[in-house]
Amino acid sequence: MRKIILTAITIVVAGMPLVAAENSDIRDEFVKQFRENNDIILRVGVDALGGIDDTTGSMATGDKKGLDRSMGFELAMGAEEKVENFEWGFRRIMSIYGYGSGTYYNGTYKADINNAGIETTAARYFKATQYFKPYIGVGLGLNINSYDDHGAYQKSDDYQFTVHAVGGVSGELFVGIGYYAEYKYRFAPSETLQITPKNGSGTIEIENEGVNGGVFMAGLSYQF
């Protein structure tokens, strides 16, 4: 029995380089075919409208209400199918975003709201020329919503699934260097509550829209 076991182990070990070589050949062939049919895309973009301040009133008069949010950004990478002019192509993008730090006000109540997440998008684009490629797409994501009113009522970090649709245009300004501009609408959890702060200063309304809604993104891309 011992001799049989040793023989079996020897055969397996001896065969490992052959298996590894075979897997390496398969991987190399896959990479070769993928690169023949697709370009790699790297993107960096920002909220084209900058920060958003939809507050009314002021802290001085004690009636300030709404959300004041800074500019968001995103970093993305993906693959784009190689097609000729006047043909449709397929694009897959994975992005990491920061929605921008925000502060929600309602009178003397104030809370910090931050959102960041990761998304994947599948899109169809039409290559009119290398300079102009309009596209539409849909995707899924996971958002981390952080809410902190510094002890007045709650502090939480919630993980939220999101769904989005995009429409935009992209292209190459020079060989490899390009641009993109898109409108993205996310469907995500939002919350409106009537709460009583821990200091007992009456009932107030708090709103946490998260990343629900639309945003314009624009930026630069590198394609190779």
C-alpha atoms as a PDB file:
ATOM      1  CA  MET A   1       0.000   0.000   0.000  1.00  0.00           C
ATOM      2  CA  ARG A   2       2.812   2.382   0.900  1.00  0.00           C
ATOM      3  CA  LYS A   3       4.500   1.712  -2.431  1.00  0.00           C
ATOM      4  CA  ILE A   4       1.269   2.433  -4.306  1.00  0.00           C
ATOM      5  CA  ILE A   5       0.767   5.735  -2.428  1.00  0.00           C
ATOM      6  CA  LEU A   6       4.358   6.864  -3.121  1.00  0.00           C
ATOM      7  CA  THR A   7       3.955   5.982  -6.792  1.00  0.00           C
ATOM      8  CA  ALA A   8       0.704   7.960  -7.026  1.00  0.00           C
ATOM      9  CA  ILE A   9       2.285  11.009  -5.349  1.00  0.00           C
ATOM     10  CA  THR A  10       5.250  10.831  -7.744  1.00  0.00           C
ATOM     11  CA  ILE A  11       2.935  10.760 -10.757  1.00  0.00           C
ATOM     12  CA  VAL A  12       0.921  13.730  -9.472  1.00  0.00           C
ATOM     13  CA  VAL A  13       4.014  15.820  -8.670  1.00  0.00           C
ATOM     14  CA  ALA A  14       5.613  14.947 -11.983  1.00  0.00           C
ATOM     15  CA  GLY A  15       2.457  15.954 -13.776  1.00  0.00           C
ATOM     16  CA  MET A  16       2.142  19.345 -12.056  1.00  0.00           C
ATOM     17  CA  PRO A  17       4.555  21.186 -14.373  1.00  0.00           C
ATOM     18  CA  LEU A  18       2.637  19.789 -17.347  1.00  0.00           C
ATOM     19  CA  VAL A  19      -0.666  21.022 -15.914  1.00  0.00           C
ATOM     20  CA  ALA A  20       0.834  24.411 -15.043  1.00  0.00           C
ATOM     21  CA  ALA A  21       2.289  24.712 -18.536  1.00  0.00           C
ATOM     22  CA  GLU A  22      -1.056  23.786 -20.081  1.00  0.00           C
ATOM     23  CA  ASN A  23      -2.880  26.346 -17.910  1.00  0.00           C
ATOM     24  CA  SER A  24      -0.260  28.948 -18.809  1.00  0.00           C
ATOM     25  CA  ASP A  25      -0.768  28.279 -22.522  1.00  0.00           C
ATOM     26  CA  ILE A  26      -4.531  28.591 -22.152  1.00  0.00           C
ATOM     27  CA  ARG A  27      -4.143  31.836 -20.195  1.00  0.00           C
ATOM     28  CA  ASP A  28      -1.717  33.288 -22.738  1.00  0.00           C
ATOM     29  CA  GLU A  29      -4.023  32.406 -25.615  1.00  0.00           C
ATOM     30  CA  PHE A  30      -6.999  33.953 -23.813  1.00  0.00           C
ATOM     31  CA  VAL A  31      -5.064  37.168 -23.160  1.00  0.00           C
ATOM     32  CA  LYS A  32      -3.917  37.272 -26.789  1.00  0.00           C
ATOM     33  CA  GLN A  33      -7.446  36.905 -28.157  1.00  0.00           C
ATOM     34  CA  PHE A  34      -8.838  39.390 -25.638  1.00  0.00           C
ATOM     35  CA  ARG A  35      -6.260  42.046 -26.555  1.00  0.00           C
ATOM     36  CA  GLU A  36      -6.880  41.483 -30.263  1.00  0.00           C
ATOM     37  CA  ASN A  37     -10.576  42.254 -29.794  1.00  0.00           C
ATOM     38  CA  ASN A  38     -10.598  44.784 -26.941  1.00  0.00           C
ATOM     39  CA  ASP A  39      -8.927  47.959 -25.711  1.00  0.00           C
ATOM     40  CA  ILE A  40      -8.230  48.603 -22.031  1.00  0.00           C
ATOM     41  CA  ILE A  41      -9.698  51.865 -20.672  1.00  0.00           C
ATOM     42  CA  LEU A  42      -8.611  53.887 -17.629  1.00  0.00           C
ATOM     43  CA  ARG A  43     -10.733  56.855 -16.513  1.00  0.00           C
ATOM     44  CA  VAL A  44     -10.661  59.633 -13.967  1.00  0.00           C
ATOM     45  CA  GLY A  45     -13.629  61.969 -13.665  1.00  0.00           C
ATOM     46  CA  VAL A  46     -15.351  64.499 -11.436  1.00  0.00           C
ATOM     47  CA  ASP A  47     -18.833  65.839 -10.869  1.00  0.00           C
ATOM     48  CA  ALA A  48     -19.139  68.258 -13.798  1.00  0.00           C
ATOM     49  CA  LEU A  49     -21.423  70.587 -11.826  1.00  0.00           C
ATOM     50  CA  GLY A  50     -19.029  70.753  -8.892  1.00  0.00           C
ATOM     51  CA  GLY A  51     -20.378  70.835  -5.341  1.00  0.00           C
ATOM     52  CA  ILE A  52     -24.109  71.173  -4.770  1.00  0.00           C
ATOM     53  CA  ASP A  53     -25.631  73.471  -2.167  1.00  0.00           C
ATOM     54  CA  ASP A  54     -29.420  73.256  -2.026  1.00  0.00           C
ATOM     55  CA  THR A  55     -29.731  74.794   1.424  1.00  0.00           C
ATOM     56  CA  THR A  56     -32.090  77.635   2.275  1.00  0.00           C
ATOM     57  CA  GLY A  57     -31.913  80.083   5.180  1.00  0.00           C
ATOM     58  CA  SER A  58     -28.779  80.568   7.263  1.00  0.00           C
ATOM     59  CA  MET A  59     -27.145  79.398  10.466  1.00  0.00           C
ATOM     60  CA  ALA A  60     -27.193  82.985  11.738  1.00  0.00           C
ATOM     61  CA  THR A  61     -31.003  83.103  11.707  1.00  0.00           C
ATOM     62  CA  GLY A  62     -31.313  79.470  12.814  1.00  0.00           C
ATOM     63  CA  ASP A  63     -33.457  78.400   9.860  1.00  0.00           C
ATOM     64  CA  LYS A  64     -30.889  76.822   7.548  1.00  0.00           C
ATOM     65  CA  LYS A  65     -32.171  73.631   5.920  1.00  0.00           C
ATOM     66  CA  GLY A  66     -30.916  71.311   3.178  1.00  0.00           C
ATOM     67  CA  LEU A  67     -27.755  69.589   2.004  1.00  0.00           C
ATOM     68  CA  ASP A  68     -24.436  71.214   1.156  1.00  0.00           C
ATOM     69  CA  ARG A  69     -22.253  68.694  -0.711  1.00  0.00           C
ATOM     70  CA  SER A  70     -18.723  68.974  -2.126  1.00  0.00           C
ATOM     71  CA  MET A  71     -17.581  67.753  -5.548  1.00  0.00           C
ATOM     72  CA  GLY A  72     -17.584  64.015  -6.191  1.00  0.00           C
ATOM     73  CA  PHE A  73     -15.092  61.954  -8.215  1.00  0.00           C
ATOM     74  CA  GLU A  74     -14.613  58.521  -9.744  1.00  0.00           C
ATOM     75  CA  LEU A  75     -11.774  56.245 -10.861  1.00  0.00           C
ATOM     76  CA  ALA A  76     -12.576  53.550 -13.398  1.00  0.00           C
ATOM     77  CA  MET A  77     -11.091  50.835 -15.550  1.00  0.00           C
ATOM     78  CA  GLY A  78     -12.606  48.542 -18.119  1.00  0.00           C
ATOM     79  CA  ALA A  79     -12.548  47.074 -21.592  1.00  0.00           C
ATOM     80  CA  GLU A  80     -13.980  48.300 -24.879  1.00  0.00           C
ATOM     81  CA  GLU A  81     -14.641  46.165 -27.922  1.00  0.00           C
ATOM     82  CA  LYS A  82     -12.682  47.216 -31.026  1.00  0.00           C
ATOM     83  CA  VAL A  83     -15.033  48.162 -33.873  1.00  0.00           C
ATOM     84  CA  GLU A  84     -14.864  50.132 -37.101  1.00  0.00           C
ATOM     85  CA  ASN A  85     -16.533  53.492 -37.744  1.00  0.00           C
ATOM     86  CA  PHE A  86     -20.344  53.333 -37.929  1.00  0.00           C
ATOM     87  CA  GLU A  87     -20.463  50.095 -35.946  1.00  0.00           C
ATOM     88  CA  TRP A  88     -21.831  49.265 -32.502  1.00  0.00           C
ATOM     89  CA  GLY A  89     -19.496  48.072 -29.761  1.00  0.00           C
ATOM     90  CA  PHE A  90     -19.721  46.782 -26.191  1.00  0.00           C
ATOM     91  CA  ARG A  91     -18.007  48.329 -23.162  1.00  0.00           C
ATOM     92  CA  ARG A  92     -17.594  47.079 -19.564  1.00  0.00           C
ATOM     93  CA  ILE A  93     -16.519  49.466 -16.805  1.00  0.00           C
ATOM     94  CA  MET A  94     -15.710  48.997 -13.112  1.00  0.00           C
ATOM     95  CA  SER A  95     -15.576  52.222 -11.108  1.00  0.00           C
ATOM     96  CA  ILE A  96     -14.858  53.400  -7.575  1.00  0.00           C
ATOM     97  CA  TYR A  97     -16.495  56.669  -6.582  1.00  0.00           C
ATOM     98  CA  GLY A  98     -16.627  59.225  -3.828  1.00  0.00           C
ATOM     99  CA  TYR A  99     -19.932  61.081  -3.900  1.00  0.00           C
ATOM    100  CA  GLY A 100     -18.586  64.128  -2.090  1.00  0.00           C
ATOM    101  CA  SER A 101     -18.684  65.027   1.604  1.00  0.00           C
ATOM    102  CA  GLY A 102     -21.964  66.619   2.616  1.00  0.00           C
ATOM    103  CA  THR A 103     -23.532  68.361   5.587  1.00  0.00           C
ATOM    104  CA  TYR A 104     -27.274  68.290   6.234  1.00  0.00           C
ATOM    105  CA  TYR A 105     -28.847  71.192   8.127  1.00  0.00           C
ATOM    106  CA  ASN A 106     -32.203  71.722   9.781  1.00  0.00           C
ATOM    107  CA  GLY A 107     -32.099  74.726  12.097  1.00  0.00           C
ATOM    108  CA  THR A 108     -29.586  73.985  14.820  1.00  0.00           C
ATOM    109  CA  TYR A 109     -29.399  70.320  13.791  1.00  0.00           C
ATOM    110  CA  LYS A 110     -26.406  69.351  11.665  1.00  0.00           C
ATOM    111  CA  ALA A 111     -25.182  65.984  10.360  1.00  0.00           C
ATOM    112  CA  ASP A 112     -22.253  64.865   8.200  1.00  0.00           C
ATOM    113  CA  ILE A 113     -23.173  62.547   5.325  1.00  0.00           C
ATOM    114  CA  ASN A 114     -20.608  60.689   3.212  1.00  0.00           C
ATOM    115  CA  ASN A 115     -21.119  58.201   0.398  1.00  0.00           C
ATOM    116  CA  ALA A 116     -18.596  56.065  -1.443  1.00  0.00           C
ATOM    117  CA  GLY A 117     -18.948  52.902  -3.432  1.00  0.00           C
ATOM    118  CA  ILE A 118     -18.092  50.594  -6.296  1.00  0.00           C
ATOM    119  CA  GLU A 119     -20.076  50.038  -9.481  1.00  0.00           C
ATOM    120  CA  THR A 120     -20.016  47.953 -12.638  1.00  0.00           C
ATOM    121  CA  THR A 121     -21.557  49.180 -15.880  1.00  0.00           C
ATOM    122  CA  ALA A 122     -22.306  47.464 -19.187  1.00  0.00           C
ATOM    123  CA  ALA A 123     -22.814  49.826 -22.110  1.00  0.00           C
ATOM    124  CA  ARG A 124     -23.400  49.802 -25.861  1.00  0.00           C
ATOM    125  CA  TYR A 125     -21.690  52.512 -27.851  1.00  0.00           C
ATOM    126  CA  PHE A 126     -21.850  53.677 -31.468  1.00  0.00           C
ATOM    127  CA  LYS A 127     -18.518  54.592 -33.024  1.00  0.00           C
ATOM    128  CA  ALA A 128     -19.305  57.449 -35.398  1.00  0.00           C
ATOM    129  CA  THR A 129     -15.578  58.301 -35.439  1.00  0.00           C
ATOM    130  CA  GLN A 130     -12.760  57.810 -32.967  1.00  0.00           C
ATOM    131  CA  TYR A 131     -13.587  61.312 -31.673  1.00  0.00           C
ATOM    132  CA  PHE A 132     -17.310  60.764 -31.069  1.00  0.00           C
ATOM    133  CA  LYS A 133     -18.832  57.628 -29.524  1.00  0.00           C
ATOM    134  CA  PRO A 134     -22.248  58.105 -27.858  1.00  0.00           C
ATOM    135  CA  TYR A 135     -23.346  55.347 -25.493  1.00  0.00           C
ATOM    136  CA  ILE A 136     -26.037  54.098 -23.128  1.00  0.00           C
ATOM    137  CA  GLY A 137     -25.762  51.530 -20.369  1.00  0.00           C
ATOM    138  CA  VAL A 138     -26.992  50.064 -17.095  1.00  0.00           C
ATOM    139  CA  GLY A 139     -25.263  48.730 -14.025  1.00  0.00           C
ATOM    140  CA  LEU A 140     -25.196  47.694 -10.375  1.00  0.00           C
ATOM    141  CA  GLY A 141     -23.281  48.955  -7.379  1.00  0.00           C
ATOM    142  CA  LEU A 142     -22.670  48.858  -3.659  1.00  0.00           C
ATOM    143  CA  ASN A 143     -22.718  52.139  -1.724  1.00  0.00           C
ATOM    144  CA  ILE A 144     -21.486  52.835   1.804  1.00  0.00           C
ATOM    145  CA  ASN A 145     -23.605  55.548   3.410  1.00  0.00           C
ATOM    146  CA  SER A 146     -22.124  57.143   6.542  1.00  0.00           C
ATOM    147  CA  TYR A 147     -24.341  59.371   8.690  1.00  0.00           C
ATOM    148  CA  ASP A 148     -23.096  61.154  11.796  1.00  0.00           C
ATOM    149  CA  ASP A 149     -24.898  63.922  13.700  1.00  0.00           C
ATOM    150  CA  HIS A 150     -22.298  63.907  16.496  1.00  0.00           C
ATOM    151  CA  GLY A 151     -24.478  62.383  19.180  1.00  0.00           C
ATOM    152  CA  ALA A 152     -27.705  64.271  18.521  1.00  0.00           C
ATOM    153  CA  TYR A 153     -29.571  61.208  17.267  1.00  0.00           C
ATOM    154  CA  GLN A 154     -27.627  58.595  15.302  1.00  0.00           C
ATOM    155  CA  LYS A 155     -24.336  57.486  13.824  1.00  0.00           C
ATOM    156  CA  SER A 156     -24.438  54.730  11.225  1.00  0.00           C
ATOM    157  CA  ASP A 157     -22.656  53.095   8.297  1.00  0.00           C
ATOM    158  CA  ASP A 158     -25.091  51.377   5.947  1.00  0.00           C
ATOM    159  CA  TYR A 159     -24.256  49.178   2.958  1.00  0.00           C
ATOM    160  CA  GLN A 160     -26.758  49.773   0.165  1.00  0.00           C
ATOM    161  CA  PHE A 161     -27.225  48.095  -3.210  1.00  0.00           C
ATOM    162  CA  THR A 162     -27.769  50.513  -6.086  1.00  0.00           C
ATOM    163  CA  VAL A 163     -28.947  50.323  -9.698  1.00  0.00           C
ATOM    164  CA  HIS A 164     -28.068  52.934 -12.300  1.00  0.00           C
ATOM    165  CA  ALA A 165     -28.543  53.961 -15.917  1.00  0.00           C
ATOM    166  CA  VAL A 166     -26.091  56.075 -17.927  1.00  0.00           C
ATOM    167  CA  GLY A 167     -26.048  57.973 -21.170  1.00  0.00           C
ATOM    168  CA  GLY A 168     -23.114  59.908 -22.537  1.00  0.00           C
ATOM    169  CA  VAL A 169     -20.426  60.434 -25.121  1.00  0.00           C
ATOM    170  CA  SER A 170     -16.742  59.529 -25.266  1.00  0.00           C
ATOM    171  CA  GLY A 171     -13.908  59.686 -27.768  1.00  0.00           C
ATOM    172  CA  GLU A 172     -10.181  59.957 -28.392  1.00  0.00           C
ATOM    173  CA  LEU A 173      -8.717  63.447 -28.734  1.00  0.00           C
ATOM    174  CA  PHE A 174      -5.301  62.009 -29.576  1.00  0.00           C
ATOM    175  CA  VAL A 175      -4.118  58.437 -29.956  1.00  0.00           C
ATOM    176  CA  GLY A 176      -4.922  56.839 -26.602  1.00  0.00           C
ATOM    177  CA  ILE A 177      -5.895  60.067 -24.814  1.00  0.00           C
ATOM    178  CA  GLY A 178      -9.603  60.796 -24.684  1.00  0.00           C
ATOM    179  CA  TYR A 179     -12.552  62.252 -22.837  1.00  0.00           C
ATOM    180  CA  TYR A 180     -15.966  61.244 -21.581  1.00  0.00           C
ATOM    181  CA  ALA A 181     -19.061  63.040 -20.334  1.00  0.00           C
ATOM    182  CA  GLU A 182     -22.116  61.257 -19.021  1.00  0.00           C
ATOM    183  CA  TYR A 183     -25.317  61.597 -17.058  1.00  0.00           C
ATOM    184  CA  LYS A 184     -25.783  58.851 -14.478  1.00  0.00           C
ATOM    185  CA  TYR A 185     -28.991  58.268 -12.561  1.00  0.00           C
ATOM    186  CA  ARG A 186     -28.791  56.046  -9.515  1.00  0.00           C
ATOM    187  CA  PHE A 187     -31.705  54.334  -7.838  1.00  0.00           C
ATOM    188  CA  ALA A 188     -30.643  53.971  -4.206  1.00  0.00           C
ATOM    189  CA  PRO A 189     -32.190  53.925  -0.713  1.00  0.00           C
ATOM    190  CA  SER A 190     -33.168  57.284   0.806  1.00  0.00           C
ATOM    191  CA  GLU A 191     -34.659  58.184   4.162  1.00  0.00           C
ATOM    192  CA  THR A 192     -36.791  60.930   5.688  1.00  0.00           C
ATOM    193  CA  LEU A 193     -37.511  60.753   9.432  1.00  0.00           C
ATOM    194  CA  GLN A 194     -39.187  62.795  12.125  1.00  0.00           C
ATOM    195  CA  ILE A 195     -36.901  62.534  15.160  1.00  0.00           C
ATOM    196  CA  THR A 196     -36.467  63.944  18.638  1.00  0.00           C
ATOM    197  CA  PRO A 197     -32.824  64.842  19.350  1.00  0.00           C
ATOM    198  CA  LYS A 198     -31.314  63.509  22.544  1.00  0.00           C
ATOM    199  CA  ASN A 199     -31.239  67.020  23.991  1.00  0.00           C
ATOM    200  CA  GLY A 200     -35.046  67.040  23.817  1.00  0.00           C
ATOM    201  CA  SER A 201     -35.286  70.203  21.693  1.00  0.00           C
ATOM    202  CA  GLY A 202     -38.508  69.183  19.934  1.00  0.00           C
ATOM    203  CA  THR A 203     -39.231  67.122  16.832  1.00  0.00           C
ATOM    204  CA  ILE A 204     -37.317  67.849  13.643  1.00  0.00           C
ATOM    205  CA  GLU A 205     -37.089  66.311  10.194  1.00  0.00           C
ATOM    206  CA  ILE A 206     -33.909  64.714   8.880  1.00  0.00           C
ATOM    207  CA  GLU A 207     -33.287  63.703   5.274  1.00  0.00           C
ATOM    208  CA  ASN A 208     -30.671  61.312   3.931  1.00  0.00           C
ATOM    209  CA  GLU A 209     -30.933  60.929   0.155  1.00  0.00           C
ATOM    210  CA  GLY A 210     -27.707  58.940  -0.103  1.00  0.00           C
ATOM    211  CA  VAL A 211     -26.729  58.668  -3.789  1.00  0.00           C
ATOM    212  CA  ASN A 212     -30.291  58.485  -5.078  1.00  0.00           C
ATOM    213  CA  GLY A 213     -30.716  60.783  -8.091  1.00  0.00           C
ATOM    214  CA  GLY A 214     -28.765  62.072 -11.069  1.00  0.00           C
ATOM    215  CA  VAL A 215     -25.224  63.327 -11.466  1.00  0.00           C
ATOM    216  CA  PHE A 216     -23.178  64.654 -14.410  1.00  0.00           C
ATOM    217  CA  MET A 217     -19.674  63.180 -14.656  1.00  0.00           C
ATOM    218  CA  ALA A 218     -16.882  64.312 -16.971  1.00  0.00           C
ATOM    219  CA  GLY A 219     -13.223  63.451 -17.223  1.00  0.00           C
ATOM    220  CA  LEU A 220     -10.255  62.084 -19.130  1.00  0.00           C
ATOM    221  CA  SER A 221      -9.494  58.572 -20.302  1.00  0.00           C
ATOM    222  CA  TYR A 222      -6.508  56.568 -21.450  1.00  0.00           C
ATOM    223  CA  GLN A 223      -7.117  53.771 -23.951  1.00  0.00           C
ATOM    224  CA  PHE A 224      -4.596  51.165 -25.119  1.00  0.00           C
END
